[in-house]
N, C-alpha and C. Protein backbone atom coordinates (compact mmCIF):
# COMPACT_ATOMS: atom_id res chain seq x y z
N MET A 1 22.81 44.96 -54.75
CA MET A 1 22.97 46.27 -55.36
C MET A 1 21.61 46.83 -55.71
N SER A 2 21.43 48.10 -55.45
CA SER A 2 20.16 48.72 -55.80
C SER A 2 20.03 48.84 -57.31
N GLU A 3 18.82 49.02 -57.77
CA GLU A 3 18.57 49.14 -59.21
C GLU A 3 19.32 50.32 -59.81
N ASN A 4 19.38 51.43 -59.09
CA ASN A 4 20.08 52.62 -59.57
C ASN A 4 21.58 52.35 -59.71
N ILE A 5 22.17 51.70 -58.72
CA ILE A 5 23.60 51.38 -58.77
C ILE A 5 23.88 50.42 -59.92
N GLU A 6 23.02 49.45 -60.11
CA GLU A 6 23.18 48.50 -61.22
C GLU A 6 23.14 49.23 -62.57
N LYS A 7 22.25 50.20 -62.70
CA LYS A 7 22.14 50.98 -63.95
C LYS A 7 23.41 51.79 -64.18
N ILE A 8 23.90 52.45 -63.14
CA ILE A 8 25.13 53.24 -63.25
C ILE A 8 26.30 52.34 -63.60
N THR A 9 26.41 51.22 -62.92
CA THR A 9 27.50 50.27 -63.17
C THR A 9 27.45 49.78 -64.61
N SER A 10 26.25 49.47 -65.08
CA SER A 10 26.08 48.99 -66.45
C SER A 10 26.52 50.04 -67.47
N GLN A 11 26.12 51.29 -67.25
CA GLN A 11 26.49 52.36 -68.18
C GLN A 11 28.01 52.59 -68.18
N MET A 12 28.61 52.57 -67.01
CA MET A 12 30.06 52.78 -66.92
C MET A 12 30.80 51.63 -67.60
N ARG A 13 30.38 50.40 -67.34
CA ARG A 13 31.03 49.23 -67.93
C ARG A 13 30.91 49.25 -69.46
N LYS A 14 29.75 49.68 -69.95
CA LYS A 14 29.52 49.70 -71.40
C LYS A 14 30.54 50.62 -72.09
N TRP A 15 30.69 51.83 -71.57
CA TRP A 15 31.62 52.78 -72.18
C TRP A 15 33.05 52.26 -72.07
N ILE A 16 33.40 51.78 -70.89
CA ILE A 16 34.76 51.27 -70.68
C ILE A 16 35.04 50.07 -71.57
N LEU A 17 34.05 49.17 -71.70
CA LEU A 17 34.22 48.01 -72.58
C LEU A 17 34.46 48.43 -74.02
N GLU A 18 33.69 49.39 -74.51
CA GLU A 18 33.89 49.86 -75.88
C GLU A 18 35.30 50.42 -76.04
N TYR A 19 35.72 51.23 -75.09
CA TYR A 19 37.05 51.83 -75.14
C TYR A 19 38.13 50.76 -75.13
N VAL A 20 38.03 49.82 -74.22
CA VAL A 20 39.05 48.77 -74.09
C VAL A 20 39.07 47.88 -75.33
N ILE A 21 37.91 47.55 -75.86
CA ILE A 21 37.85 46.72 -77.06
C ILE A 21 38.52 47.42 -78.23
N LEU A 22 38.26 48.71 -78.40
CA LEU A 22 38.94 49.45 -79.47
C LEU A 22 40.44 49.46 -79.25
N MET A 23 40.88 49.60 -77.99
CA MET A 23 42.32 49.57 -77.69
C MET A 23 42.92 48.22 -78.05
N ILE A 24 42.24 47.14 -77.68
CA ILE A 24 42.74 45.79 -77.96
C ILE A 24 42.85 45.57 -79.46
N ILE A 25 41.83 45.95 -80.19
CA ILE A 25 41.84 45.75 -81.65
C ILE A 25 42.94 46.57 -82.29
N ASP A 26 43.17 47.77 -81.78
CA ASP A 26 44.21 48.64 -82.34
C ASP A 26 45.61 48.14 -82.02
N SER A 27 45.77 47.39 -80.94
CA SER A 27 47.10 47.01 -80.47
C SER A 27 47.73 45.87 -81.24
N ASP A 28 46.91 45.01 -81.83
CA ASP A 28 47.48 43.82 -82.46
C ASP A 28 46.44 43.18 -83.36
N GLU A 29 46.88 42.23 -84.15
CA GLU A 29 45.99 41.45 -84.99
C GLU A 29 45.23 40.50 -84.06
N VAL A 30 43.93 40.68 -83.94
CA VAL A 30 43.14 39.88 -83.00
C VAL A 30 41.86 39.37 -83.64
N TYR A 31 41.35 38.32 -83.07
CA TYR A 31 40.00 37.87 -83.42
C TYR A 31 39.20 37.82 -82.14
N SER A 32 37.92 37.62 -82.28
CA SER A 32 37.02 37.82 -81.14
C SER A 32 37.37 36.97 -79.93
N SER A 33 37.85 35.75 -80.11
CA SER A 33 38.19 34.94 -78.94
C SER A 33 39.39 35.53 -78.20
N ASP A 34 40.31 36.19 -78.91
CA ASP A 34 41.43 36.89 -78.24
C ASP A 34 40.88 37.99 -77.34
N ILE A 35 39.97 38.77 -77.88
CA ILE A 35 39.37 39.88 -77.12
C ILE A 35 38.67 39.33 -75.89
N LEU A 36 37.90 38.28 -76.08
CA LEU A 36 37.17 37.67 -74.98
C LEU A 36 38.13 37.20 -73.88
N ASN A 37 39.22 36.55 -74.26
CA ASN A 37 40.19 36.08 -73.28
C ASN A 37 40.84 37.23 -72.52
N ILE A 38 41.19 38.28 -73.22
CA ILE A 38 41.81 39.45 -72.57
C ILE A 38 40.83 40.07 -71.58
N LEU A 39 39.59 40.23 -72.00
CA LEU A 39 38.58 40.82 -71.11
C LEU A 39 38.32 39.94 -69.90
N LYS A 40 38.22 38.63 -70.12
CA LYS A 40 37.99 37.71 -69.00
C LYS A 40 39.18 37.71 -68.04
N ASN A 41 40.39 37.67 -68.58
CA ASN A 41 41.59 37.65 -67.74
C ASN A 41 41.72 38.91 -66.90
N ASN A 42 41.14 39.99 -67.37
CA ASN A 42 41.20 41.27 -66.63
C ASN A 42 39.89 41.58 -65.92
N LYS A 43 39.02 40.58 -65.84
CA LYS A 43 37.74 40.70 -65.12
C LYS A 43 36.86 41.85 -65.61
N LEU A 44 36.91 42.11 -66.90
CA LEU A 44 36.08 43.16 -67.49
C LEU A 44 34.82 42.61 -68.14
N ILE A 45 34.78 41.32 -68.33
CA ILE A 45 33.59 40.70 -68.91
C ILE A 45 33.41 39.33 -68.27
N VAL A 46 32.19 38.99 -68.04
CA VAL A 46 31.93 37.73 -67.36
C VAL A 46 31.37 36.69 -68.33
N VAL A 47 30.45 37.11 -69.17
CA VAL A 47 29.80 36.17 -70.07
C VAL A 47 30.10 36.52 -71.53
N GLU A 48 30.27 35.47 -72.32
CA GLU A 48 30.66 35.64 -73.72
C GLU A 48 29.63 36.40 -74.54
N TRP A 49 28.36 36.15 -74.29
CA TRP A 49 27.33 36.72 -75.16
C TRP A 49 27.29 38.25 -75.10
N THR A 50 27.97 38.87 -74.14
CA THR A 50 28.00 40.34 -74.08
C THR A 50 28.90 40.92 -75.16
N LEU A 51 29.94 40.18 -75.53
CA LEU A 51 30.92 40.69 -76.49
C LEU A 51 30.38 40.79 -77.91
N TYR A 52 29.71 39.78 -78.37
CA TYR A 52 29.34 39.71 -79.78
C TYR A 52 28.36 40.80 -80.23
N PRO A 53 27.34 41.12 -79.45
CA PRO A 53 26.49 42.25 -79.84
C PRO A 53 27.25 43.57 -79.86
N LEU A 54 28.20 43.72 -78.94
CA LEU A 54 29.01 44.93 -78.89
C LEU A 54 29.90 45.03 -80.13
N LEU A 55 30.51 43.93 -80.53
CA LEU A 55 31.32 43.93 -81.76
C LEU A 55 30.45 44.23 -82.98
N SER A 56 29.25 43.69 -83.01
CA SER A 56 28.34 43.97 -84.13
C SER A 56 27.99 45.45 -84.19
N ARG A 57 27.74 46.05 -83.04
CA ARG A 57 27.40 47.47 -83.01
C ARG A 57 28.58 48.32 -83.45
N LEU A 58 29.79 47.96 -82.98
CA LEU A 58 30.98 48.71 -83.39
C LEU A 58 31.20 48.59 -84.90
N LYS A 59 30.90 47.42 -85.47
CA LYS A 59 31.01 47.25 -86.92
C LYS A 59 29.94 48.06 -87.63
N ASN A 60 28.71 48.04 -87.13
CA ASN A 60 27.62 48.81 -87.74
C ASN A 60 27.87 50.32 -87.64
N ASP A 61 28.59 50.74 -86.61
CA ASP A 61 28.95 52.15 -86.45
C ASP A 61 30.21 52.52 -87.24
N SER A 62 30.70 51.57 -88.03
CA SER A 62 31.89 51.75 -88.88
C SER A 62 33.16 52.04 -88.08
N LEU A 63 33.24 51.52 -86.87
CA LEU A 63 34.44 51.70 -86.05
C LEU A 63 35.41 50.55 -86.21
N ILE A 64 34.89 49.37 -86.54
CA ILE A 64 35.74 48.22 -86.80
C ILE A 64 35.31 47.55 -88.10
N ALA A 65 36.24 46.79 -88.64
CA ALA A 65 35.97 45.98 -89.82
C ALA A 65 36.65 44.64 -89.57
N TYR A 66 36.41 43.70 -90.42
CA TYR A 66 37.07 42.41 -90.26
C TYR A 66 37.62 41.94 -91.60
N TYR A 67 38.54 41.00 -91.51
CA TYR A 67 39.09 40.37 -92.70
C TYR A 67 39.40 38.92 -92.35
N TRP A 68 39.38 38.09 -93.36
CA TRP A 68 39.57 36.66 -93.16
C TRP A 68 41.01 36.27 -93.45
N VAL A 69 41.54 35.36 -92.64
CA VAL A 69 42.89 34.83 -92.84
C VAL A 69 42.78 33.31 -92.86
N GLU A 70 43.31 32.72 -93.92
CA GLU A 70 43.30 31.27 -94.03
C GLU A 70 44.16 30.67 -92.92
N SER A 71 43.71 29.56 -92.40
CA SER A 71 44.43 28.88 -91.33
C SER A 71 45.01 27.58 -91.87
N LYS A 72 46.23 27.24 -91.43
CA LYS A 72 46.84 25.97 -91.84
C LYS A 72 46.21 24.80 -91.11
N SER A 73 45.59 25.10 -89.98
CA SER A 73 44.95 24.02 -89.20
C SER A 73 43.53 24.44 -88.83
N GLY A 74 42.61 24.19 -89.73
CA GLY A 74 41.22 24.50 -89.44
C GLY A 74 40.65 25.56 -90.37
N PRO A 75 39.47 26.03 -90.01
CA PRO A 75 38.79 27.01 -90.88
C PRO A 75 39.47 28.38 -90.83
N PRO A 76 39.18 29.24 -91.81
CA PRO A 76 39.74 30.59 -91.78
C PRO A 76 39.27 31.34 -90.53
N ARG A 77 40.09 32.30 -90.12
CA ARG A 77 39.75 33.09 -88.94
C ARG A 77 39.39 34.51 -89.35
N LYS A 78 38.40 35.06 -88.63
CA LYS A 78 37.96 36.42 -88.90
C LYS A 78 38.68 37.36 -87.93
N TYR A 79 39.61 38.14 -88.46
CA TYR A 79 40.36 39.09 -87.65
C TYR A 79 39.69 40.45 -87.71
N LEU A 80 39.85 41.21 -86.63
CA LEU A 80 39.23 42.52 -86.52
C LEU A 80 40.28 43.61 -86.65
N LYS A 81 39.89 44.74 -87.20
CA LYS A 81 40.79 45.89 -87.28
C LYS A 81 39.96 47.15 -87.13
N LEU A 82 40.62 48.22 -86.71
CA LEU A 82 39.94 49.51 -86.60
C LEU A 82 39.88 50.16 -87.97
N THR A 83 38.78 50.81 -88.23
CA THR A 83 38.67 51.63 -89.43
C THR A 83 39.31 52.98 -89.13
N LYS A 84 39.38 53.83 -90.13
CA LYS A 84 39.88 55.19 -89.90
C LYS A 84 39.04 55.90 -88.85
N GLN A 85 37.72 55.76 -88.97
CA GLN A 85 36.81 56.36 -88.01
C GLN A 85 37.01 55.74 -86.62
N GLY A 86 37.29 54.45 -86.58
CA GLY A 86 37.55 53.78 -85.32
C GLY A 86 38.80 54.30 -84.64
N LYS A 87 39.85 54.55 -85.44
CA LYS A 87 41.09 55.12 -84.88
C LYS A 87 40.86 56.53 -84.33
N GLU A 88 40.08 57.32 -85.06
CA GLU A 88 39.76 58.67 -84.58
C GLU A 88 38.93 58.62 -83.31
N THR A 89 37.97 57.71 -83.27
CA THR A 89 37.13 57.55 -82.08
C THR A 89 37.97 57.10 -80.90
N LEU A 90 38.88 56.16 -81.11
CA LEU A 90 39.76 55.69 -80.04
C LEU A 90 40.62 56.83 -79.51
N LYS A 91 41.13 57.64 -80.40
CA LYS A 91 41.95 58.78 -79.98
C LYS A 91 41.13 59.74 -79.11
N THR A 92 39.91 60.03 -79.52
CA THR A 92 39.03 60.91 -78.75
C THR A 92 38.69 60.28 -77.40
N MET A 93 38.37 58.99 -77.41
CA MET A 93 38.04 58.30 -76.16
C MET A 93 39.24 58.29 -75.21
N SER A 94 40.45 58.16 -75.74
CA SER A 94 41.66 58.18 -74.91
C SER A 94 41.83 59.53 -74.23
N ILE A 95 41.57 60.59 -74.98
CA ILE A 95 41.65 61.94 -74.41
C ILE A 95 40.62 62.09 -73.29
N ILE A 96 39.39 61.68 -73.57
CA ILE A 96 38.32 61.77 -72.56
C ILE A 96 38.68 60.95 -71.33
N TRP A 97 39.14 59.71 -71.54
CA TRP A 97 39.50 58.83 -70.43
C TRP A 97 40.61 59.47 -69.58
N ASN A 98 41.64 59.98 -70.22
CA ASN A 98 42.75 60.57 -69.46
C ASN A 98 42.32 61.81 -68.69
N GLU A 99 41.45 62.62 -69.28
CA GLU A 99 40.94 63.80 -68.58
C GLU A 99 40.10 63.39 -67.38
N LEU A 100 39.22 62.40 -67.57
CA LEU A 100 38.39 61.92 -66.46
C LEU A 100 39.23 61.29 -65.36
N LYS A 101 40.18 60.45 -65.76
CA LYS A 101 41.04 59.79 -64.79
C LYS A 101 41.84 60.81 -63.99
N SER A 102 42.35 61.81 -64.65
CA SER A 102 43.11 62.86 -63.98
C SER A 102 42.22 63.64 -63.00
N ALA A 103 41.02 63.98 -63.45
CA ALA A 103 40.11 64.73 -62.58
C ALA A 103 39.74 63.92 -61.34
N VAL A 104 39.43 62.64 -61.55
CA VAL A 104 39.05 61.80 -60.41
C VAL A 104 40.24 61.61 -59.47
N ASN A 105 41.43 61.42 -60.02
CA ASN A 105 42.62 61.25 -59.18
C ASN A 105 42.97 62.51 -58.40
N ASN A 106 42.57 63.67 -58.90
CA ASN A 106 42.85 64.93 -58.22
C ASN A 106 41.86 65.23 -57.10
N ILE A 107 40.81 64.45 -57.04
CA ILE A 107 39.79 64.67 -56.01
C ILE A 107 39.83 63.49 -55.05
N SER A 108 39.95 63.78 -53.78
CA SER A 108 39.89 62.70 -52.80
C SER A 108 39.05 63.14 -51.62
N ILE A 109 38.44 62.18 -50.99
CA ILE A 109 37.59 62.49 -49.82
C ILE A 109 38.33 62.01 -48.57
N LYS A 110 38.48 62.92 -47.62
CA LYS A 110 39.18 62.60 -46.39
C LYS A 110 38.38 63.17 -45.22
N LYS A 111 37.97 62.30 -44.32
CA LYS A 111 37.23 62.69 -43.13
C LYS A 111 36.04 63.59 -43.45
N ASN A 112 35.23 63.16 -44.45
CA ASN A 112 34.00 63.84 -44.85
C ASN A 112 34.21 65.25 -45.40
N SER A 113 35.40 65.61 -45.71
CA SER A 113 35.61 66.92 -46.34
C SER A 113 36.31 66.70 -47.67
N LEU A 114 35.93 67.50 -48.64
CA LEU A 114 36.47 67.38 -49.98
C LEU A 114 37.78 68.12 -50.06
N ILE A 115 38.81 67.44 -50.54
CA ILE A 115 40.12 68.05 -50.70
C ILE A 115 40.44 68.05 -52.18
N ILE A 116 40.81 69.18 -52.69
CA ILE A 116 41.17 69.30 -54.10
C ILE A 116 42.68 69.48 -54.19
N ASN A 117 43.33 68.54 -54.87
CA ASN A 117 44.78 68.61 -55.05
C ASN A 117 45.10 69.42 -56.29
N ASN A 118 46.02 70.34 -56.19
CA ASN A 118 46.44 71.12 -57.36
C ASN A 118 47.81 70.71 -57.80
């Protein structure tokens, strides 16, 4: 892959990862290993060390918070949740994602000519 393609891919993955992580946290009571497993199972993340800095940034941006739950078998677990700002950001990101997805789906390339579906 060329350097330019790698940069574009990295930027696209970063935004999508943030969006998906916020969706996962909003969907259920989760902790970081749950998120990591979901991302790995869906081939959205390859290495673990990418997740933790992203979670830290989302926490520093006040989009997520965490709380501790005592465990009957082992140490307490740190669960993640969306803050109010995180829920608003997720809602905005969902709108943006759906608009982008719709626009891209409406455009297709056929035999080197651009066709716009209405």
